[in-house]
Protein backbone atom coordinates (compact mmCIF):
# COMPACT_ATOMS: atom_id res chain seq x y z
CA MET A 1 -30.92 13.45 -3.07
CA PHE A 2 -32.88 10.46 -1.73
CA LEU A 3 -36.49 9.73 -1.09
CA SER A 4 -37.18 9.95 2.62
CA PRO A 5 -39.14 7.20 4.35
CA PRO A 6 -42.34 8.22 6.12
CA PRO A 7 -41.92 9.02 9.82
CA PRO A 8 -42.43 6.05 12.16
CA SER A 9 -45.49 7.70 13.70
CA VAL A 10 -47.34 7.45 10.38
CA LYS A 11 -48.82 3.98 10.06
CA THR A 12 -49.10 2.94 6.42
CA ARG A 13 -50.71 -0.08 4.87
CA LEU A 14 -48.44 -3.03 4.18
CA THR A 15 -48.93 -4.00 0.55
CA LYS A 16 -47.43 -6.74 -1.59
CA PRO A 17 -45.08 -4.33 -3.46
CA ILE A 18 -43.76 -3.06 -0.10
CA VAL A 19 -43.18 -6.63 1.08
CA ALA A 20 -41.34 -7.33 -2.18
CA SER A 21 -39.08 -4.31 -1.62
CA TYR A 22 -38.14 -5.61 1.83
CA GLY A 23 -37.41 -8.96 0.21
CA VAL A 24 -34.95 -7.26 -2.16
CA VAL A 25 -33.08 -5.70 0.80
CA ALA A 26 -32.95 -9.02 2.66
CA ALA A 27 -31.77 -10.86 -0.47
CA ALA A 28 -29.05 -8.25 -1.07
CA LEU A 29 -27.70 -8.59 2.47
CA VAL A 30 -27.72 -12.39 2.32
CA LEU A 31 -26.03 -12.33 -1.09
CA LEU A 32 -23.30 -9.99 0.14
CA GLY A 33 -22.61 -12.28 3.06
CA TRP A 34 -22.67 -15.42 0.92
CA LEU A 35 -20.26 -13.94 -1.63
CA HIS A 36 -17.95 -12.64 1.13
CA LEU A 37 -18.44 -9.02 0.09
CA ALA A 38 -18.99 -7.65 3.58
CA THR A 39 -15.94 -5.38 3.26
CA LEU A 40 -17.51 -3.78 0.20
CA LEU A 41 -20.74 -3.08 2.11
CA ILE A 42 -19.17 -1.76 5.32
CA THR A 43 -16.67 0.43 3.42
CA GLY A 44 -19.43 1.89 1.27
CA LEU A 45 -21.58 2.67 4.31
CA PHE A 46 -18.74 4.29 6.25
CA SER A 47 -17.64 6.32 3.20
CA PHE A 48 -21.16 7.56 2.53
CA PHE A 49 -21.53 8.36 6.24
CA ALA A 50 -18.35 10.46 6.15
CA LEU A 51 -19.39 12.24 2.95
CA ASN A 52 -22.73 13.24 4.45
CA LYS A 53 -21.09 14.54 7.62
CA LEU A 54 -18.58 16.56 5.57
CA CYS A 55 -21.23 18.08 3.30
CA PHE A 56 -21.41 21.48 4.99
CA GLY A 57 -24.11 23.70 3.54
CA GLY A 58 -24.93 21.15 0.86
CA ARG A 59 -21.62 21.79 -0.97
CA LYS A 60 -20.72 18.44 -2.47
CA GLY A 61 -17.47 19.68 -3.98
CA LEU A 62 -16.15 20.70 -0.57
CA ALA A 63 -17.33 17.41 0.92
CA LEU A 64 -15.48 15.50 -1.83
CA VAL A 65 -12.21 17.37 -1.20
CA LEU A 66 -12.45 16.93 2.58
CA PHE A 67 -13.29 13.25 2.18
CA LEU A 68 -10.30 12.60 -0.07
CA VAL A 69 -8.02 14.36 2.44
CA LEU A 70 -9.54 12.34 5.28
CA PHE A 71 -9.25 9.11 3.29
CA ALA A 72 -5.57 9.80 2.58
CA ALA A 73 -4.92 10.58 6.25
CA VAL A 74 -6.70 7.40 7.39
CA SER A 75 -4.77 5.34 4.83
CA VAL A 76 -1.43 6.74 6.02
CA GLY A 77 -2.43 6.26 9.65
CA SER A 78 -3.55 2.69 9.01
CA GLY A 79 -0.24 1.92 7.31
CA TRP A 80 1.69 3.41 10.22
CA PHE A 81 -0.40 1.47 12.73
CA ALA A 82 0.05 -1.80 10.80
CA SER A 83 3.81 -1.36 10.59
CA ARG A 84 4.06 -0.57 14.32
CA ALA A 85 1.83 -3.51 15.19
CA ILE A 86 3.93 -5.93 13.13
CA LYS A 87 7.06 -4.76 14.95
CA GLU A 88 5.68 -4.44 18.48
CA PHE A 89 3.23 -7.34 18.84
CA PRO A 90 6.04 -9.95 18.80
CA ALA A 91 7.92 -7.85 21.37
CA ILE A 92 4.79 -7.61 23.51
CA ALA A 93 4.30 -11.38 23.33
CA SER A 94 7.94 -12.10 24.18
CA LYS A 95 7.72 -9.94 27.30
CA VAL A 96 4.17 -10.60 28.47
CA ILE A 97 3.82 -14.37 28.00
CA PRO A 98 6.92 -15.42 30.04
CA ARG A 99 6.02 -13.08 32.91
CA VAL A 100 2.43 -14.33 32.95
CA PHE A 101 3.71 -17.92 33.22
CA ASP A 102 6.17 -16.92 35.96
CA TYR A 103 3.42 -15.15 37.88
CA ALA A 104 1.18 -18.20 37.52
CA ASP A 105 3.93 -20.55 38.74
CA LYS A 106 4.64 -18.40 41.80
CA HIS A 107 0.98 -18.36 42.79
CA GLY A 108 0.32 -22.03 42.02
CA ILE A 109 -1.94 -21.38 39.04
CA GLN A 110 -2.06 -24.41 36.76
CA PHE A 111 -2.75 -24.11 33.03
CA ASN A 112 -3.48 -27.80 32.56
CA TYR A 113 -6.95 -29.05 33.30
CA SER A 114 -7.92 -32.62 33.98
CA ASP A 115 -9.51 -34.66 31.28
CA SER A 116 -12.68 -34.87 33.36
CA GLN A 117 -13.20 -31.18 32.71
CA GLY A 118 -12.97 -31.71 28.99
CA ILE A 119 -10.42 -28.88 28.61
CA LYS A 120 -6.69 -29.30 28.19
CA LEU A 121 -4.40 -26.54 27.02
CA PRO A 122 -1.42 -27.58 24.86
CA ILE A 123 1.07 -25.71 27.09
CA SER A 124 1.63 -25.57 30.82
CA ASP A 125 4.80 -23.52 31.14
CA LEU A 126 7.32 -21.48 29.19
CA GLU A 127 9.29 -24.52 28.02
CA ASP A 128 6.17 -26.06 26.51
CA LEU A 129 5.48 -22.77 24.77
CA ARG A 130 8.97 -22.75 23.25
CA GLU A 131 8.51 -26.28 21.98
CA ALA A 132 5.03 -25.61 20.64
CA ALA A 133 5.93 -22.35 18.86
CA PRO A 134 7.73 -23.98 15.87
CA ASN A 135 4.85 -26.41 15.35
CA MET A 136 2.36 -23.54 15.48
CA MET A 137 4.40 -21.63 12.88
CA ARG A 138 4.53 -24.66 10.56
CA GLN A 139 0.80 -25.19 10.90
CA SER A 140 0.13 -21.53 10.08
CA ALA A 141 2.38 -21.55 6.98
CA PRO A 142 -0.51 -22.23 4.53
CA PHE A 143 -2.44 -19.31 6.01
CA LEU A 144 0.57 -17.00 5.76
CA GLY A 145 1.01 -18.05 2.13
CA SER A 146 -2.52 -16.98 1.26
CA PHE A 147 -2.36 -13.80 3.35
CA ALA A 148 -1.19 -11.66 0.42
CA LYS A 149 -4.06 -12.90 -1.74
CA ILE A 150 -6.62 -12.18 0.97
CA THR A 151 -5.14 -8.73 1.61
CA LEU A 152 -5.25 -7.84 -2.10
CA LYS A 153 -8.89 -8.91 -2.33
CA GLU A 154 -9.86 -6.84 0.72
CA LEU A 155 -8.03 -3.79 -0.66
CA VAL A 156 -9.92 -4.12 -3.94
CA MET A 157 -13.22 -4.36 -2.03
CA LEU A 158 -12.24 -1.32 0.04
CA VAL A 159 -11.49 0.81 -3.01
CA ALA A 160 -14.64 -0.41 -4.75
CA GLY A 161 -16.75 0.48 -1.71
CA VAL A 162 -15.32 4.01 -1.66
CA VAL A 163 -15.96 4.45 -5.39
CA ILE A 164 -19.56 3.21 -5.05
CA ALA A 165 -20.19 5.59 -2.14
CA LEU A 166 -18.78 8.50 -4.16
CA GLY A 167 -20.99 7.58 -7.12
CA ILE A 168 -24.14 7.46 -4.97
CA PHE A 169 -23.23 10.70 -3.20
CA LEU A 170 -22.60 12.63 -6.44
CA GLN A 171 -25.49 11.25 -8.46
CA ARG A 172 -28.40 13.41 -9.41
CA GLU A 173 -31.93 12.60 -8.40
CA PRO A 174 -33.32 10.34 -11.14
CA LYS A 175 -36.46 11.42 -12.90
CA ASN A 176 -39.46 9.22 -12.35
CA GLY A 177 -40.44 7.61 -15.61
CA THR A 178 -44.07 8.40 -16.31
CA GLY A 179 -46.23 7.76 -19.26
CA ASN A 180 -49.59 9.06 -20.30
CA ASP A 181 -51.26 6.96 -17.62
CA GLY A 182 -49.06 8.10 -14.73
CA GLU A 183 -46.22 6.39 -12.88
CA THR A 184 -44.62 3.37 -14.53
CA LEU A 185 -44.25 0.00 -12.84
CA TYR A 186 -40.44 0.35 -12.88
CA ALA A 187 -40.55 3.79 -11.23
CA HIS A 188 -42.96 2.54 -8.58
CA TYR A 189 -40.79 -0.40 -7.53
CA TYR A 190 -37.61 1.66 -7.86
CA GLY A 191 -38.96 4.19 -5.39
CA LEU A 192 -40.03 1.51 -2.91
CA ILE A 193 -36.67 -0.29 -3.01
CA GLN A 194 -34.82 3.02 -2.72
CA ARG A 195 -36.83 3.90 0.39
CA ARG A 196 -35.90 0.58 1.99
CA PHE A 197 -32.17 1.11 1.38
CA VAL A 198 -32.37 4.72 2.57
CA ALA A 199 -34.03 3.57 5.78
CA PHE A 200 -31.30 0.94 6.27
CA TYR A 201 -28.59 3.57 5.84
CA GLN A 202 -30.36 5.89 8.29
CA SER A 203 -30.36 3.12 10.88
CA PHE A 204 -26.66 2.58 10.24
CA GLU A 205 -26.02 6.32 10.57
CA ASN A 206 -27.91 6.57 13.87
CA VAL A 207 -26.33 3.53 15.49
CA MET A 208 -22.79 3.93 14.16
CA GLY A 209 -22.76 7.67 14.86
CA ALA A 210 -23.58 6.91 18.49
CA GLN A 211 -21.00 4.10 18.61
CA ILE A 212 -18.29 6.42 17.28
CA VAL A 213 -19.10 8.99 19.99
CA ILE A 214 -18.93 6.30 22.70
CA SER A 215 -15.68 4.89 21.33
CA SER A 216 -14.12 8.37 21.09
CA VAL A 217 -14.97 9.20 24.72
CA ASN A 218 -13.60 5.84 25.87
CA THR A 219 -10.43 6.29 23.80
CA VAL A 220 -9.76 9.78 25.15
CA ALA A 221 -10.16 8.61 28.75
CA THR A 222 -7.98 5.56 28.15
CA ALA A 223 -5.34 7.67 26.38
CA VAL A 224 -5.14 10.06 29.34
CA TYR A 225 -4.59 7.12 31.70
CA LEU A 226 -2.01 5.38 29.49
CA LEU A 227 0.02 8.53 28.86
CA ALA A 228 -0.18 9.74 32.46
CA THR A 229 1.15 6.43 33.78
CA SER A 230 3.80 6.07 31.01
CA PHE A 231 2.12 2.81 30.05
CA PRO A 232 4.21 0.70 27.64
CA TYR A 233 3.05 0.40 24.02
CA ALA A 234 0.56 3.25 24.44
CA THR A 235 0.93 4.26 20.78
CA ILE A 236 -0.46 0.87 19.79
CA LEU A 237 -3.10 0.55 22.52
CA ILE A 238 -4.73 3.97 21.96
CA PRO A 239 -5.76 3.49 18.30
CA LEU A 240 -6.56 -0.16 19.07
CA THR A 241 -8.94 0.97 21.81
CA PHE A 242 -10.82 3.17 19.33
CA LEU A 243 -11.05 0.41 16.72
CA CYS A 244 -12.23 -2.14 19.27
CA GLY A 245 -14.77 0.38 20.56
CA LEU A 246 -16.56 0.23 17.20
CA LEU A 247 -17.46 -3.40 17.96
CA PRO A 248 -20.50 -3.48 20.26
CA ILE A 249 -20.07 -5.23 23.64
CA ILE A 250 -17.10 -7.45 22.70
CA GLY A 251 -14.86 -4.57 21.57
CA ASN A 252 -14.32 -3.15 25.06
CA LEU A 253 -13.70 -6.64 26.40
CA ILE A 254 -10.90 -7.19 23.88
CA SER A 255 -9.18 -3.87 24.59
CA ASN A 256 -9.50 -4.35 28.36
CA ILE A 257 -7.91 -7.80 28.22
CA LEU A 258 -5.00 -6.41 26.22
CA ILE A 259 -4.39 -3.50 28.61
CA VAL A 260 -4.60 -5.59 31.77
CA GLY A 261 -2.52 -8.38 30.21
CA ILE A 262 0.25 -6.01 29.13
CA ALA A 263 0.21 -4.34 32.55
CA LEU A 264 0.57 -7.72 34.24
CA GLY A 265 3.25 -9.05 31.91
CA ALA A 266 5.26 -5.94 31.04
CA VAL A 267 4.96 -3.84 34.21
CA SER A 268 3.72 -5.38 37.45
CA PRO A 269 0.68 -7.04 39.07
CA LYS A 270 0.05 -3.76 40.92
CA MET A 271 -0.19 -1.87 37.63
CA ALA A 272 -2.53 -4.57 36.30
CA LEU A 273 -4.79 -4.08 39.33
CA TRP A 274 -4.83 -0.30 38.93
CA SER A 275 -5.55 -0.69 35.21
CA LEU A 276 -8.42 -3.04 35.96
CA LEU A 277 -9.91 -0.64 38.51
CA PHE A 278 -9.58 2.28 36.08
CA LEU A 279 -11.28 0.36 33.27
CA VAL A 280 -14.11 -0.73 35.56
CA VAL A 281 -14.74 2.89 36.61
CA ILE A 282 -14.56 4.15 33.01
CA HIS A 283 -17.00 1.55 31.73
CA LYS A 284 -19.42 2.13 34.60
CA MET A 285 -19.48 5.78 33.56
CA GLU A 286 -19.79 4.66 29.96
CA TYR A 287 -22.99 2.78 30.79
CA LEU A 288 -24.63 6.12 31.61
CA LEU A 289 -23.45 7.52 28.29
CA ASN A 290 -24.68 4.42 26.50
CA SER A 291 -28.14 4.80 27.99
CA LYS A 292 -28.28 8.43 26.87
CA ILE A 293 -26.85 8.03 23.36
CA ILE A 294 -27.29 4.44 22.21
CA GLY A 295 -30.00 3.18 24.53
CA SER A 296 -32.43 5.90 23.52
CA ARG A 297 -31.88 5.06 19.84
CA ILE A 298 -31.88 1.25 19.86
CA GLN A 299 -33.71 0.10 23.03
CA HIS A 300 -33.06 -3.59 22.42
CA PRO A 301 -32.61 -6.13 25.22
CA MET A 302 -29.10 -7.47 25.73
CA TRP A 303 -29.99 -11.02 24.69
CA MET A 304 -31.33 -9.85 21.34
CA THR A 305 -28.19 -7.79 20.68
CA LEU A 306 -25.97 -10.77 21.54
CA ILE A 307 -27.89 -13.05 19.17
CA GLY A 308 -27.54 -10.41 16.45
CA LEU A 309 -23.79 -10.17 17.05
CA ILE A 310 -23.37 -13.95 16.88
CA LEU A 311 -25.36 -14.25 13.65
CA GLY A 312 -23.59 -11.24 12.16
CA GLU A 313 -20.17 -12.69 12.91
CA TYR A 314 -21.19 -16.07 11.47
CA LEU A 315 -22.50 -14.57 8.22
CA MET A 316 -20.07 -11.68 7.62
CA GLY A 317 -17.30 -11.83 10.22
CA ILE A 318 -16.23 -8.55 11.87
CA PRO A 319 -18.31 -6.38 9.44
CA GLY A 320 -21.34 -8.42 10.49
CA VAL A 321 -20.67 -7.61 14.15
CA ILE A 322 -20.57 -3.90 13.27
CA LEU A 323 -23.76 -4.11 11.18
CA ALA A 324 -25.81 -6.23 13.60
CA PRO A 325 -27.04 -3.37 15.87
CA ALA A 326 -27.88 -1.24 12.82
CA LEU A 327 -29.86 -4.11 11.30
CA LEU A 328 -31.77 -4.65 14.55
CA HIS A 329 -32.56 -0.93 14.66
CA TYR A 330 -33.69 -1.06 11.02
CA ILE A 331 -36.03 -3.99 11.67
CA LYS A 332 -37.54 -2.25 14.67
CA VAL A 333 -38.03 1.11 12.94
CA GLU A 334 -39.48 -0.40 9.77
CA GLY A 335 -41.73 -2.74 11.72
CA SER A 336 -43.09 0.27 13.63
CA ARG A 337 -44.24 1.96 10.43
CA TYR A 338 -47.13 -0.43 9.90
CA ALA A 339 -50.14 -1.19 12.02
CA ALA A 340 -50.66 -4.75 13.16
CA PRO A 341 -53.11 -6.72 11.01
CA THR A 342 -56.64 -6.63 12.29
CA PRO A 343 -57.73 -10.10 13.36
CA GLU A 344 -60.61 -11.47 11.40
CA PRO A 345 -63.82 -11.76 13.41
CA ARG A 346 -64.57 -15.32 14.41
CA GLU A 347 -68.02 -16.68 13.94
CA GLU A 348 -69.63 -17.97 17.10
CA TYR A 349 -71.82 -20.98 16.84
CA LEU A 350 -74.60 -21.46 19.27
CA ASP A 351 -75.60 -24.97 20.26
């Protein structure tokens, strides 16, 4: 269905048309970020990823039916999760926040910092929180008013991304336009640009496939712990753990903070300690899995990954965080296809 890039072991010559094709890919990514179309890109990539995984024996019809069933199930599940989250998050906050403040007061933990530290929180106890809550709601009113508009736009982008992925998946291989003198200029550049986008998708497939495996293992282990201990709000925390696990590095941090915070505020400090110990053990084991699955595929230093995550979030938000490791993998793989330029011999002058 697609032209396959040459294997990384084959070193090809970097020509001006190839450089131009890379420029098209870079311009497309920058344009998508600038126009705030990251949802369109990430939805299209995930949909095409699912379609390829569901294409058993090359039967596209079966893959299409399975994908539509999966899409409907995910849509229903997302709606259920959103409705539960809207109902339970306020209840979680009303239980957790007061108990956290009470625990801090009993142990002499102060939430106010001196001005010399340059940090001062707007609340120091529960009474301050009650007074600040109405002001926070009034300040967030403009955002809540535009929430419906933002949601509608993202839904349109989501549907458009799915449709685009279906169109690419079902399309037939285009015929190369050739004349009497061989390949046309259009066909030549079309093939080069197509190879670049295929290579980018393959990097996304490798990295995201590994991330999904890691997140699934982490979610199963966390679900066993939450259900075995009758942890409150487990039905919200389990799917949230999987979704956060799709975000490299920061995703596990977010889910861990939520679990430990709920344990501290809704159960007891002892449960919070046990939860923290469990999460530490799970993530230490997860490091081994990361080195086997993700580390062998990406092999990037931590500082480079963090810079990629920061830039991705700045340019595209959460979709940029998801795409950053795939883009780093793409740059590394594509850069390994070409030999380094041979330095020109320098003339030596004798005195």
